[in-house]
């Protein structure tokens, strides 16, 4: 079984920073793209960005310059560095990963979500 476990969320003041982590574990043969999504209250889930297995990244245009995605393939972990946070960044953040297990089965897995609240 494969699972993704997020950590690093919490309460931060406007202008502050947070780093989210998402670690994959279980029967993992390979991991392709890993990404982050967020869902604010009353809004649809939206893509924050993703990173390929070779390290290429794609960040939503509205977040470029403030958010950065990275990964540690040795740890099967993806990170989201968020700087200059704004109240409108308040949301539940979810990680996702396309994982191939040892049976050759490929599917996208999701983390349970971690709350980020930006408020003074």
PDB file of N, CA and C in Angstrom:
ATOM      1  N   UNK A   1       0.839  -1.182   0.000  1.00  0.00           N
ATOM      2  CA  UNK A   1       0.000   0.000   0.000  1.00  0.00           C
ATOM      3  C   UNK A   1       0.880   1.240   0.000  1.00  0.00           C
ATOM      4  N   UNK A   2       0.423   2.274  -0.666  1.00  0.00           N
ATOM      5  CA  UNK A   2       1.171   3.523  -0.753  1.00  0.00           C
ATOM      6  C   UNK A   2       0.418   4.615  -0.024  1.00  0.00           C
ATOM      7  N   UNK A   3       1.126   5.462   0.671  1.00  0.00           N
ATOM      8  CA  UNK A   3       0.478   6.617   1.281  1.00  0.00           C
ATOM      9  C   UNK A   3       1.381   7.833   1.201  1.00  0.00           C
ATOM     10  N   UNK A   4       0.731   8.990   1.207  1.00  0.00           N
ATOM     11  CA  UNK A   4       1.423  10.267   1.233  1.00  0.00           C
ATOM     12  C   UNK A   4       1.066  10.958   2.536  1.00  0.00           C
ATOM     13  N   UNK A   5       2.076  11.428   3.239  1.00  0.00           N
ATOM     14  CA  UNK A   5       1.853  12.087   4.522  1.00  0.00           C
ATOM     15  C   UNK A   5       2.455  13.483   4.464  1.00  0.00           C
ATOM     16  N   UNK A   6       1.582  14.478   4.657  1.00  0.00           N
ATOM     17  CA  UNK A   6       2.005  15.874   4.629  1.00  0.00           C
ATOM     18  C   UNK A   6       2.304  16.369   6.034  1.00  0.00           C
ATOM     19  N   UNK A   7       3.155  17.380   6.100  1.00  0.00           N
ATOM     20  CA  UNK A   7       3.443  18.032   7.367  1.00  0.00           C
ATOM     21  C   UNK A   7       3.902  19.454   7.081  1.00  0.00           C
ATOM     22  N   UNK A   8       3.881  20.270   8.133  1.00  0.00           N
ATOM     23  CA  UNK A   8       4.420  21.621   8.015  1.00  0.00           C
ATOM     24  C   UNK A   8       3.394  22.732   7.978  1.00  0.00           C
ATOM     25  N   UNK A   9       2.119  22.390   7.942  1.00  0.00           N
ATOM     26  CA  UNK A   9       1.109  23.428   7.933  1.00  0.00           C
ATOM     27  C   UNK A   9       0.988  24.105   9.285  1.00  0.00           C
ATOM     28  N   UNK A  10       0.178  25.153   9.327  1.00  0.00           N
ATOM     29  CA  UNK A  10      -0.042  25.845  10.588  1.00  0.00           C
ATOM     30  C   UNK A  10      -0.484  27.271  10.374  1.00  0.00           C
ATOM     31  N   UNK A  11      -0.357  28.035  11.443  1.00  0.00           N
ATOM     32  CA  UNK A  11      -0.746  29.441  11.433  1.00  0.00           C
ATOM     33  C   UNK A  11       0.500  30.306  11.264  1.00  0.00           C
ATOM     34  N   UNK A  12       0.425  31.246  10.345  1.00  0.00           N
ATOM     35  CA  UNK A  12       1.554  32.140  10.107  1.00  0.00           C
ATOM     36  C   UNK A  12       1.027  33.543   9.858  1.00  0.00           C
ATOM     37  N   UNK A  13       1.802  34.531  10.231  1.00  0.00           N
ATOM     38  CA  UNK A  13       1.399  35.918  10.009  1.00  0.00           C
ATOM     39  C   UNK A  13       1.634  36.324   8.558  1.00  0.00           C
ATOM     40  N   UNK A  14       0.870  37.285   8.084  1.00  0.00           N
ATOM     41  CA  UNK A  14       1.112  37.793   6.721  1.00  0.00           C
ATOM     42  C   UNK A  14       2.572  38.209   6.543  1.00  0.00           C
ATOM     43  N   UNK A  15       3.120  37.846   5.412  1.00  0.00           N
ATOM     44  CA  UNK A  15       4.526  38.120   5.150  1.00  0.00           C
ATOM     45  C   UNK A  15       5.466  37.026   5.600  1.00  0.00           C
ATOM     46  N   UNK A  16       4.949  36.078   6.336  1.00  0.00           N
ATOM     47  CA  UNK A  16       5.776  34.989   6.841  1.00  0.00           C
ATOM     48  C   UNK A  16       5.980  33.881   5.824  1.00  0.00           C
ATOM     49  N   UNK A  17       6.674  32.847   6.270  1.00  0.00           N
ATOM     50  CA  UNK A  17       7.005  31.712   5.405  1.00  0.00           C
ATOM     51  C   UNK A  17       6.640  30.404   6.077  1.00  0.00           C
ATOM     52  N   UNK A  18       6.394  29.417   5.249  1.00  0.00           N
ATOM     53  CA  UNK A  18       6.178  28.047   5.706  1.00  0.00           C
ATOM     54  C   UNK A  18       6.776  27.105   4.674  1.00  0.00           C
ATOM     55  N   UNK A  19       7.209  25.953   5.148  1.00  0.00           N
ATOM     56  CA  UNK A  19       7.626  24.910   4.234  1.00  0.00           C
ATOM     57  C   UNK A  19       6.819  23.656   4.510  1.00  0.00           C
ATOM     58  N   UNK A  20       6.121  23.197   3.509  1.00  0.00           N
ATOM     59  CA  UNK A  20       5.352  21.963   3.612  1.00  0.00           C
ATOM     60  C   UNK A  20       6.181  20.806   3.077  1.00  0.00           C
ATOM     61  N   UNK A  21       5.987  19.659   3.702  1.00  0.00           N
ATOM     62  CA  UNK A  21       6.648  18.442   3.241  1.00  0.00           C
ATOM     63  C   UNK A  21       5.598  17.378   2.975  1.00  0.00           C
ATOM     64  N   UNK A  22       5.911  16.497   2.056  1.00  0.00           N
ATOM     65  CA  UNK A  22       5.018  15.382   1.747  1.00  0.00           C
ATOM     66  C   UNK A  22       5.889  14.171   1.422  1.00  0.00           C
ATOM     67  N   UNK A  23       5.792  13.171   2.286  1.00  0.00           N
ATOM     68  CA  UNK A  23       6.606  11.979   2.121  1.00  0.00           C
ATOM     69  C   UNK A  23       5.758  10.806   1.648  1.00  0.00           C
ATOM     70  N   UNK A  24       6.244  10.143   0.623  1.00  0.00           N
ATOM     71  CA  UNK A  24       5.568   8.951   0.118  1.00  0.00           C
ATOM     72  C   UNK A  24       6.204   7.719   0.739  1.00  0.00           C
ATOM     73  N   UNK A  25       5.394   6.720   1.032  1.00  0.00           N
ATOM     74  CA  UNK A  25       5.909   5.483   1.603  1.00  0.00           C
ATOM     75  C   UNK A  25       5.072   4.317   1.127  1.00  0.00           C
ATOM     76  N   UNK A  26       5.653   3.118   1.253  1.00  0.00           N
ATOM     77  CA  UNK A  26       4.929   1.925   0.847  1.00  0.00           C
ATOM     78  C   UNK A  26       5.608   1.209  -0.298  1.00  0.00           C
ATOM     79  N   UNK A  27       4.804   0.499  -1.052  1.00  0.00           N
ATOM     80  CA  UNK A  27       5.311  -0.315  -2.156  1.00  0.00           C
ATOM     81  C   UNK A  27       5.545   0.560  -3.390  1.00  0.00           C
ATOM     82  N   UNK A  28       6.668   1.263  -3.380  1.00  0.00           N
ATOM     83  CA  UNK A  28       6.971   2.234  -4.435  1.00  0.00           C
ATOM     84  C   UNK A  28       8.102   1.739  -5.309  1.00  0.00           C
ATOM     85  N   UNK A  29       7.831   1.615  -6.588  1.00  0.00           N
ATOM     86  CA  UNK A  29       8.879   1.285  -7.546  1.00  0.00           C
ATOM     87  C   UNK A  29       9.475   2.558  -8.123  1.00  0.00           C
ATOM     88  N   UNK A  30       8.617   3.492  -8.454  1.00  0.00           N
ATOM     89  CA  UNK A  30       9.078   4.771  -9.004  1.00  0.00           C
ATOM     90  C   UNK A  30       8.007   5.830  -8.794  1.00  0.00           C
ATOM     91  N   UNK A  31       8.453   7.077  -8.750  1.00  0.00           N
ATOM     92  CA  UNK A  31       7.538   8.209  -8.624  1.00  0.00           C
ATOM     93  C   UNK A  31       7.760   9.140  -9.794  1.00  0.00           C
ATOM     94  N   UNK A  32       6.716   9.445 -10.487  1.00  0.00           N
ATOM     95  CA  UNK A  32       6.807  10.406 -11.588  1.00  0.00           C
ATOM     96  C   UNK A  32       6.588  11.817 -11.037  1.00  0.00           C
ATOM     97  N   UNK A  33       5.623  12.530 -11.553  1.00  0.00           N
ATOM     98  CA  UNK A  33       5.383  13.891 -11.076  1.00  0.00           C
ATOM     99  C   UNK A  33       4.870  13.896  -9.632  1.00  0.00           C
ATOM    100  N   UNK A  34       5.316  14.902  -8.891  1.00  0.00           N
ATOM    101  CA  UNK A  34       4.780  15.165  -7.560  1.00  0.00           C
ATOM    102  C   UNK A  34       4.298  16.611  -7.556  1.00  0.00           C
ATOM    103  N   UNK A  35       3.182  16.850  -6.912  1.00  0.00           N
ATOM    104  CA  UNK A  35       2.636  18.198  -6.987  1.00  0.00           C
ATOM    105  C   UNK A  35       1.905  18.628  -5.738  1.00  0.00           C
ATOM    106  N   UNK A  36       1.535  19.880  -5.760  1.00  0.00           N
ATOM    107  CA  UNK A  36       0.768  20.457  -4.657  1.00  0.00           C
ATOM    108  C   UNK A  36      -0.472  21.152  -5.218  1.00  0.00           C
ATOM    109  N   UNK A  37      -1.568  20.968  -4.513  1.00  0.00           N
ATOM    110  CA  UNK A  37      -2.819  21.645  -4.803  1.00  0.00           C
ATOM    111  C   UNK A  37      -3.274  22.334  -3.527  1.00  0.00           C
ATOM    112  N   UNK A  38      -4.204  23.257  -3.676  1.00  0.00           N
ATOM    113  CA  UNK A  38      -4.783  23.873  -2.499  1.00  0.00           C
ATOM    114  C   UNK A  38      -6.263  24.129  -2.733  1.00  0.00           C
ATOM    115  N   UNK A  39      -6.983  24.165  -1.630  1.00  0.00           N
ATOM    116  CA  UNK A  39      -8.411  24.429  -1.685  1.00  0.00           C
ATOM    117  C   UNK A  39      -8.782  25.381  -0.565  1.00  0.00           C
ATOM    118  N   UNK A  40      -9.185  26.564  -0.969  1.00  0.00           N
ATOM    119  CA  UNK A  40      -9.636  27.568  -0.005  1.00  0.00           C
ATOM    120  C   UNK A  40     -11.120  27.365   0.274  1.00  0.00           C
ATOM    121  N   UNK A  41     -11.605  27.855   1.419  1.00  0.00           N
ATOM    122  CA  UNK A  41     -13.020  27.699   1.749  1.00  0.00           C
ATOM    123  C   UNK A  41     -13.920  28.256   0.649  1.00  0.00           C
ATOM    124  N   UNK A  42     -14.867  27.443   0.217  1.00  0.00           N
ATOM    125  CA  UNK A  42     -15.820  27.889  -0.782  1.00  0.00           C
ATOM    126  C   UNK A  42     -15.285  27.917  -2.203  1.00  0.00           C
ATOM    127  N   UNK A  43     -14.089  27.417  -2.394  1.00  0.00           N
ATOM    128  CA  UNK A  43     -13.489  27.459  -3.724  1.00  0.00           C
ATOM    129  C   UNK A  43     -13.085  26.054  -4.167  1.00  0.00           C
ATOM    130  N   UNK A  44     -12.886  25.910  -5.454  1.00  0.00           N
ATOM    131  CA  UNK A  44     -12.459  24.627  -5.985  1.00  0.00           C
ATOM    132  C   UNK A  44     -10.967  24.414  -5.722  1.00  0.00           C
ATOM    133  N   UNK A  45     -10.583  23.138  -5.728  1.00  0.00           N
ATOM    134  CA  UNK A  45      -9.168  22.818  -5.588  1.00  0.00           C
ATOM    135  C   UNK A  45      -8.421  23.330  -6.809  1.00  0.00           C
ATOM    136  N   UNK A  46      -7.268  23.936  -6.567  1.00  0.00           N
ATOM    137  CA  UNK A  46      -6.486  24.477  -7.667  1.00  0.00           C
ATOM    138  C   UNK A  46      -5.044  23.993  -7.589  1.00  0.00           C
ATOM    139  N   UNK A  47      -4.417  23.918  -8.736  1.00  0.00           N
ATOM    140  CA  UNK A  47      -3.030  23.485  -8.807  1.00  0.00           C
ATOM    141  C   UNK A  47      -2.111  24.603  -8.324  1.00  0.00           C
ATOM    142  N   UNK A  48      -1.222  24.245  -7.419  1.00  0.00           N
ATOM    143  CA  UNK A  48      -0.168  25.177  -6.996  1.00  0.00           C
ATOM    144  C   UNK A  48       1.045  25.004  -7.908  1.00  0.00           C
ATOM    145  N   UNK A  49       1.437  23.762  -8.122  1.00  0.00           N
ATOM    146  CA  UNK A  49       2.550  23.472  -9.000  1.00  0.00           C
ATOM    147  C   UNK A  49       2.949  22.023  -8.898  1.00  0.00           C
ATOM    148  N   UNK A  50       3.878  21.625  -9.756  1.00  0.00           N
ATOM    149  CA  UNK A  50       4.351  20.249  -9.722  1.00  0.00           C
ATOM    150  C   UNK A  50       5.816  20.209 -10.120  1.00  0.00           C
ATOM    151  N   UNK A  51       6.426  19.054  -9.838  1.00  0.00           N
ATOM    152  CA  UNK A  51       7.826  18.843 -10.174  1.00  0.00           C
ATOM    153  C   UNK A  51       7.962  17.449 -10.762  1.00  0.00           C
ATOM    154  N   UNK A  52       8.715  17.352 -11.846  1.00  0.00           N
ATOM    155  CA  UNK A  52       8.900  16.052 -12.482  1.00  0.00           C
ATOM    156  C   UNK A  52       9.991  15.260 -11.760  1.00  0.00           C
ATOM    157  N   UNK A  53      10.146  14.020 -12.151  1.00  0.00           N
ATOM    158  CA  UNK A  53      11.162  13.179 -11.529  1.00  0.00           C
ATOM    159  C   UNK A  53      12.575  13.685 -11.808  1.00  0.00           C
ATOM    160  N   UNK A  54      12.736  14.430 -12.886  1.00  0.00           N
ATOM    161  CA  UNK A  54      14.054  14.972 -13.221  1.00  0.00           C
ATOM    162  C   UNK A  54      14.279  16.356 -12.630  1.00  0.00           C
ATOM    163  N   UNK A  55      13.256  16.898 -11.957  1.00  0.00           N
ATOM    164  CA  UNK A  55      13.419  18.165 -11.256  1.00  0.00           C
ATOM    165  C   UNK A  55      12.870  19.394 -11.959  1.00  0.00           C
ATOM    166  N   UNK A  56      12.255  19.226 -13.087  1.00  0.00           N
ATOM    167  CA  UNK A  56      11.627  20.376 -13.742  1.00  0.00           C
ATOM    168  C   UNK A  56      10.365  20.769 -12.989  1.00  0.00           C
ATOM    169  N   UNK A  57      10.185  22.068 -12.825  1.00  0.00           N
ATOM    170  CA  UNK A  57       9.041  22.540 -12.043  1.00  0.00           C
ATOM    171  C   UNK A  57       8.121  23.425 -12.873  1.00  0.00           C
ATOM    172  N   UNK A  58       6.889  23.469 -12.418  1.00  0.00           N
ATOM    173  CA  UNK A  58       5.890  24.337 -13.026  1.00  0.00           C
ATOM    174  C   UNK A  58       5.038  24.884 -11.902  1.00  0.00           C
ATOM    175  N   UNK A  59       5.082  26.199 -11.695  1.00  0.00           N
ATOM    176  CA  UNK A  59       4.334  26.857 -10.632  1.00  0.00           C
ATOM    177  C   UNK A  59       3.241  27.707 -11.265  1.00  0.00           C
ATOM    178  N   UNK A  60       2.091  27.742 -10.644  1.00  0.00           N
ATOM    179  CA  UNK A  60       1.008  28.595 -11.129  1.00  0.00           C
ATOM    180  C   UNK A  60       1.515  30.026 -11.279  1.00  0.00           C
ATOM    181  N   UNK A  61       1.124  30.663 -12.346  1.00  0.00           N
ATOM    182  CA  UNK A  61       1.632  32.010 -12.649  1.00  0.00           C
ATOM    183  C   UNK A  61       1.430  32.981 -11.491  1.00  0.00           C
ATOM    184  N   UNK A  62       0.291  32.884 -10.835  1.00  0.00           N
ATOM    185  CA  UNK A  62      -0.034  33.830  -9.760  1.00  0.00           C
ATOM    186  C   UNK A  62       0.836  33.627  -8.525  1.00  0.00           C
ATOM    187  N   UNK A  63       1.544  32.487  -8.466  1.00  0.00           N
ATOM    188  CA  UNK A  63       2.343  32.168  -7.284  1.00  0.00           C
ATOM    189  C   UNK A  63       3.848  32.231  -7.548  1.00  0.00           C
ATOM    190  N   UNK A  64       4.213  32.408  -8.795  1.00  0.00           N
ATOM    191  CA  UNK A  64       5.639  32.477  -9.118  1.00  0.00           C
ATOM    192  C   UNK A  64       6.297  33.637  -8.381  1.00  0.00           C
ATOM    193  N   UNK A  65       7.471  33.359  -7.895  1.00  0.00           N
ATOM    194  CA  UNK A  65       8.197  34.374  -7.139  1.00  0.00           C
ATOM    195  C   UNK A  65       7.997  34.260  -5.640  1.00  0.00           C
ATOM    196  N   UNK A  66       6.920  33.575  -5.235  1.00  0.00           N
ATOM    197  CA  UNK A  66       6.681  33.400  -3.802  1.00  0.00           C
ATOM    198  C   UNK A  66       6.746  31.922  -3.387  1.00  0.00           C
ATOM    199  N   UNK A  67       6.302  31.041  -4.257  1.00  0.00           N
ATOM    200  CA  UNK A  67       6.258  29.603  -3.943  1.00  0.00           C
ATOM    201  C   UNK A  67       7.304  28.854  -4.771  1.00  0.00           C
ATOM    202  N   UNK A  68       7.926  27.884  -4.140  1.00  0.00           N
ATOM    203  CA  UNK A  68       8.925  27.057  -4.809  1.00  0.00           C
ATOM    204  C   UNK A  68       8.691  25.597  -4.463  1.00  0.00           C
ATOM    205  N   UNK A  69       8.789  24.741  -5.459  1.00  0.00           N
ATOM    206  CA  UNK A  69       8.650  23.303  -5.241  1.00  0.00           C
ATOM    207  C   UNK A  69      10.000  22.633  -5.451  1.00  0.00           C
ATOM    208  N   UNK A  70      10.310  21.686  -4.587  1.00  0.00           N
ATOM    209  CA  UNK A  70      11.519  20.889  -4.734  1.00  0.00           C
ATOM    210  C   UNK A  70      11.218  19.467  -4.282  1.00  0.00           C
ATOM    211  N   UNK A  71      12.142  18.559  -4.549  1.00  0.00           N
ATOM    212  CA  UNK A  71      11.933  17.179  -4.105  1.00  0.00           C
ATOM    213  C   UNK A  71      13.276  16.530  -3.801  1.00  0.00           C
ATOM    214  N   UNK A  72      13.194  15.536  -2.939  1.00  0.00           N
ATOM    215  CA  UNK A  72      14.350  14.721  -2.590  1.00  0.00           C
ATOM    216  C   UNK A  72      13.990  13.301  -3.000  1.00  0.00           C
ATOM    217  N   UNK A  73      14.519  12.863  -4.117  1.00  0.00           N
ATOM    218  CA  UNK A  73      14.150  11.547  -4.629  1.00  0.00           C
ATOM    219  C   UNK A  73      14.615  10.415  -3.715  1.00  0.00           C
ATOM    220  N   UNK A  74      15.699  10.631  -3.016  1.00  0.00           N
ATOM    221  CA  UNK A  74      16.197   9.600  -2.097  1.00  0.00           C
ATOM    222  C   UNK A  74      15.239   9.393  -0.927  1.00  0.00           C
ATOM    223  N   UNK A  75      14.471  10.421  -0.624  1.00  0.00           N
ATOM    224  CA  UNK A  75      13.519  10.347   0.495  1.00  0.00           C
ATOM    225  C   UNK A  75      12.080  10.253   0.011  1.00  0.00           C
ATOM    226  N   UNK A  76      11.872  10.209  -1.293  1.00  0.00           N
ATOM    227  CA  UNK A  76      10.509  10.163  -1.844  1.00  0.00           C
ATOM    228  C   UNK A  76       9.658  11.284  -1.252  1.00  0.00           C
ATOM    229  N   UNK A  77      10.240  12.457  -1.194  1.00  0.00           N
ATOM    230  CA  UNK A  77       9.587  13.586  -0.524  1.00  0.00           C
ATOM    231  C   UNK A  77       9.562  14.803  -1.444  1.00  0.00           C
ATOM    232  N   UNK A  78       8.447  15.508  -1.410  1.00  0.00           N
ATOM    233  CA  UNK A  78       8.307  16.762  -2.143  1.00  0.00           C
ATOM    234  C   UNK A  78       8.069  17.873  -1.134  1.00  0.00           C
ATOM    235  N   UNK A  79       8.604  19.039  -1.444  1.00  0.00           N
ATOM    236  CA  UNK A  79       8.502  20.189  -0.550  1.00  0.00           C
ATOM    237  C   UNK A  79       7.828  21.359  -1.268  1.00  0.00           C
ATOM    238  N   UNK A  80       7.174  22.182  -0.469  1.00  0.00           N
ATOM    239  CA  UNK A  80       6.615  23.427  -0.982  1.00  0.00           C
ATOM    240  C   UNK A  80       7.067  24.546  -0.058  1.00  0.00           C
ATOM    241  N   UNK A  81       7.940  25.397  -0.562  1.00  0.00           N
ATOM    242  CA  UNK A  81       8.399  26.559   0.193  1.00  0.00           C
ATOM    243  C   UNK A  81       7.519  27.745  -0.165  1.00  0.00           C
ATOM    244  N   UNK A  82       6.898  28.324   0.835  1.00  0.00           N
ATOM    245  CA  UNK A  82       5.983  29.444   0.620  1.00  0.00           C
ATOM    246  C   UNK A  82       6.497  30.661   1.365  1.00  0.00           C
ATOM    247  N   UNK A  83       6.760  31.721   0.634  1.00  0.00           N
ATOM    248  CA  UNK A  83       7.264  32.960   1.211  1.00  0.00           C
ATOM    249  C   UNK A  83       6.270  34.096   0.980  1.00  0.00           C
ATOM    250  N   UNK A  84       6.445  35.149   1.722  1.00  0.00           N
ATOM    251  CA  UNK A  84       5.591  36.342   1.586  1.00  0.00           C
ATOM    252  C   UNK A  84       4.116  35.951   1.575  1.00  0.00           C
ATOM    253  N   UNK A  85       3.745  35.151   2.538  1.00  0.00           N
ATOM    254  CA  UNK A  85       2.378  34.632   2.561  1.00  0.00           C
ATOM    255  C   UNK A  85       1.352  35.739   2.798  1.00  0.00           C
ATOM    256  N   UNK A  86       0.189  35.548   2.171  1.00  0.00           N
ATOM    257  CA  UNK A  86      -0.904  36.514   2.249  1.00  0.00           C
ATOM    258  C   UNK A  86      -2.134  35.829   2.832  1.00  0.00           C
ATOM    259  N   UNK A  87      -3.043  36.584   3.404  1.00  0.00           N
ATOM    260  CA  UNK A  87      -4.271  35.964   3.931  1.00  0.00           C
ATOM    261  C   UNK A  87      -5.015  35.139   2.877  1.00  0.00           C
ATOM    262  N   UNK A  88      -4.946  35.546   1.642  1.00  0.00           N
ATOM    263  CA  UNK A  88      -5.644  34.804   0.585  1.00  0.00           C
ATOM    264  C   UNK A  88      -4.973  33.475   0.245  1.00  0.00           C
ATOM    265  N   UNK A  89      -3.812  33.215   0.828  1.00  0.00           N
ATOM    266  CA  UNK A  89      -3.167  31.903   0.674  1.00  0.00           C
ATOM    267  C   UNK A  89      -3.748  30.876   1.646  1.00  0.00           C
ATOM    268  N   UNK A  90      -4.593  31.319   2.555  1.00  0.00           N
ATOM    269  CA  UNK A  90      -5.208  30.400   3.506  1.00  0.00           C
ATOM    270  C   UNK A  90      -5.987  29.323   2.772  1.00  0.00           C
ATOM    271  N   UNK A  91      -5.657  28.074   3.050  1.00  0.00           N
ATOM    272  CA  UNK A  91      -6.281  26.959   2.348  1.00  0.00           C
ATOM    273  C   UNK A  91      -5.805  25.651   2.961  1.00  0.00           C
ATOM    274  N   UNK A  92      -6.448  24.583   2.559  1.00  0.00           N
ATOM    275  CA  UNK A  92      -5.919  23.246   2.829  1.00  0.00           C
ATOM    276  C   UNK A  92      -5.048  22.874   1.634  1.00  0.00           C
ATOM    277  N   UNK A  93      -3.828  22.489   1.922  1.00  0.00           N
ATOM    278  CA  UNK A  93      -2.878  22.128   0.884  1.00  0.00           C
ATOM    279  C   UNK A  93      -2.764  20.601   0.814  1.00  0.00           C
ATOM    280  N   UNK A  94      -2.840  20.105  -0.405  1.00  0.00           N
ATOM    281  CA  UNK A  94      -2.765  18.663  -0.650  1.00  0.00           C
ATOM    282  C   UNK A  94      -1.583  18.356  -1.564  1.00  0.00           C
ATOM    283  N   UNK A  95      -0.881  17.293  -1.262  1.00  0.00           N
ATOM    284  CA  UNK A  95       0.142  16.844  -2.203  1.00  0.00           C
ATOM    285  C   UNK A  95      -0.409  15.672  -3.004  1.00  0.00           C
ATOM    286  N   UNK A  96       0.160  15.498  -4.164  1.00  0.00           N
ATOM    287  CA  UNK A  96      -0.205  14.361  -5.007  1.00  0.00           C
ATOM    288  C   UNK A  96       1.055  13.808  -5.652  1.00  0.00           C
ATOM    289  N   UNK A  97       0.989  12.557  -6.031  1.00  0.00           N
ATOM    290  CA  UNK A  97       2.136  11.934  -6.681  1.00  0.00           C
ATOM    291  C   UNK A  97       1.654  10.806  -7.574  1.00  0.00           C
ATOM    292  N   UNK A  98       2.237  10.736  -8.748  1.00  0.00           N
ATOM    293  CA  UNK A  98       1.958   9.606  -9.637  1.00  0.00           C
ATOM    294  C   UNK A  98       2.998   8.536  -9.332  1.00  0.00           C
ATOM    295  N   UNK A  99       2.527   7.400  -8.832  1.00  0.00           N
ATOM    296  CA  UNK A  99       3.424   6.379  -8.311  1.00  0.00           C
ATOM    297  C   UNK A  99       3.208   5.063  -9.045  1.00  0.00           C
ATOM    298  N   UNK A 100       4.316   4.431  -9.364  1.00  0.00           N
ATOM    299  CA  UNK A 100       4.285   3.092  -9.954  1.00  0.00           C
ATOM    300  C   UNK A 100       4.714   2.120  -8.859  1.00  0.00           C
ATOM    301  N   UNK A 101       3.869   1.123  -8.591  1.00  0.00           N
ATOM    302  CA  UNK A 101       4.249   0.159  -7.554  1.00  0.00           C
ATOM    303  C   UNK A 101       4.944  -1.048  -8.189  1.00  0.00           C
ATOM    304  N   UNK A 102       5.293  -2.025  -7.391  1.00  0.00           N
ATOM    305  CA  UNK A 102       6.087  -3.145  -7.859  1.00  0.00           C
ATOM    306  C   UNK A 102       5.307  -4.126  -8.734  1.00  0.00           C
ATOM    307  N   UNK A 103       4.013  -3.938  -8.825  1.00  0.00           N
ATOM    308  CA  UNK A 103       3.230  -4.756  -9.753  1.00  0.00           C
ATOM    309  C   UNK A 103       3.135  -4.091 -11.122  1.00  0.00           C
ATOM    310  N   UNK A 104       3.666  -2.875 -11.202  1.00  0.00           N
ATOM    311  CA  UNK A 104       3.588  -2.123 -12.444  1.00  0.00           C
ATOM    312  C   UNK A 104       2.379  -1.214 -12.530  1.00  0.00           C
ATOM    313  N   UNK A 105       1.573  -1.239 -11.483  1.00  0.00           N
ATOM    314  CA  UNK A 105       0.349  -0.423 -11.459  1.00  0.00           C
ATOM    315  C   UNK A 105       0.727   1.023 -11.206  1.00  0.00           C
ATOM    316  N   UNK A 106       0.213   1.924 -12.052  1.00  0.00           N
ATOM    317  CA  UNK A 106       0.479   3.348 -11.933  1.00  0.00           C
ATOM    318  C   UNK A 106      -0.808   4.092 -11.608  1.00  0.00           C
ATOM    319  N   UNK A 107      -0.758   4.880 -10.566  1.00  0.00           N
ATOM    320  CA  UNK A 107      -1.919   5.690 -10.199  1.00  0.00           C
ATOM    321  C   UNK A 107      -1.485   6.911  -9.425  1.00  0.00           C
ATOM    322  N   UNK A 108      -2.395   7.860  -9.318  1.00  0.00           N
ATOM    323  CA  UNK A 108      -2.129   9.086  -8.568  1.00  0.00           C
ATOM    324  C   UNK A 108      -2.658   8.952  -7.149  1.00  0.00           C
ATOM    325  N   UNK A 109      -1.796   9.255  -6.207  1.00  0.00           N
ATOM    326  CA  UNK A 109      -2.163   9.213  -4.802  1.00  0.00           C
ATOM    327  C   UNK A 109      -2.236  10.639  -4.254  1.00  0.00           C
ATOM    328  N   UNK A 110      -3.029  10.782  -3.187  1.00  0.00           N
ATOM    329  CA  UNK A 110      -3.221  12.078  -2.549  1.00  0.00           C
ATOM    330  C   UNK A 110      -2.913  11.994  -1.068  1.00  0.00           C
ATOM    331  N   UNK A 111      -2.364  13.086  -0.559  1.00  0.00           N
ATOM    332  CA  UNK A 111      -2.208  13.199   0.879  1.00  0.00           C
ATOM    333  C   UNK A 111      -3.517  13.597   1.523  1.00  0.00           C
ATOM    334  N   UNK A 112      -3.510  13.627   2.850  1.00  0.00           N
ATOM    335  CA  UNK A 112      -4.729  13.900   3.599  1.00  0.00           C
ATOM    336  C   UNK A 112      -5.026  15.391   3.703  1.00  0.00           C
ATOM    337  N   UNK A 113      -4.060  16.215   3.349  1.00  0.00           N
ATOM    338  CA  UNK A 113      -4.244  17.655   3.416  1.00  0.00           C
ATOM    339  C   UNK A 113      -3.679  18.240   4.699  1.00  0.00           C
ATOM    340  N   UNK A 114      -3.140  19.433   4.580  1.00  0.00           N
ATOM    341  CA  UNK A 114      -2.639  20.146   5.752  1.00  0.00           C
ATOM    342  C   UNK A 114      -3.103  21.593   5.676  1.00  0.00           C
ATOM    343  N   UNK A 115      -3.601  22.085   6.803  1.00  0.00           N
ATOM    344  CA  UNK A 115      -4.175  23.433   6.838  1.00  0.00           C
ATOM    345  C   UNK A 115      -3.072  24.484   6.951  1.00  0.00           C
ATOM    346  N   UNK A 116      -3.174  25.482   6.100  1.00  0.00           N
ATOM    347  CA  UNK A 116      -2.318  26.668   6.193  1.00  0.00           C
ATOM    348  C   UNK A 116      -3.227  27.870   6.404  1.00  0.00           C
ATOM    349  N   UNK A 117      -2.994  28.585   7.482  1.00  0.00           N
ATOM    350  CA  UNK A 117      -3.780  29.768   7.798  1.00  0.00           C
ATOM    351  C   UNK A 117      -2.851  30.959   7.923  1.00  0.00           C
ATOM    352  N   UNK A 118      -3.143  31.986   7.137  1.00  0.00           N
ATOM    353  CA  UNK A 118      -2.331  33.207   7.166  1.00  0.00           C
ATOM    354  C   UNK A 118      -3.177  34.307   7.778  1.00  0.00           C
ATOM    355  N   UNK A 119      -2.803  34.700   8.971  1.00  0.00           N
ATOM    356  CA  UNK A 119      -3.611  35.672   9.696  1.00  0.00           C
ATOM    357  C   UNK A 119      -2.769  36.343  10.765  1.00  0.00           C
ATOM    358  N   UNK A 120      -3.112  37.587  11.044  1.00  0.00           N
ATOM    359  CA  UNK A 120      -2.439  38.299  12.119  1.00  0.00           C
ATOM    360  C   UNK A 120      -3.230  38.167  13.413  1.00  0.00           C
TER     361      UNK A 120
END
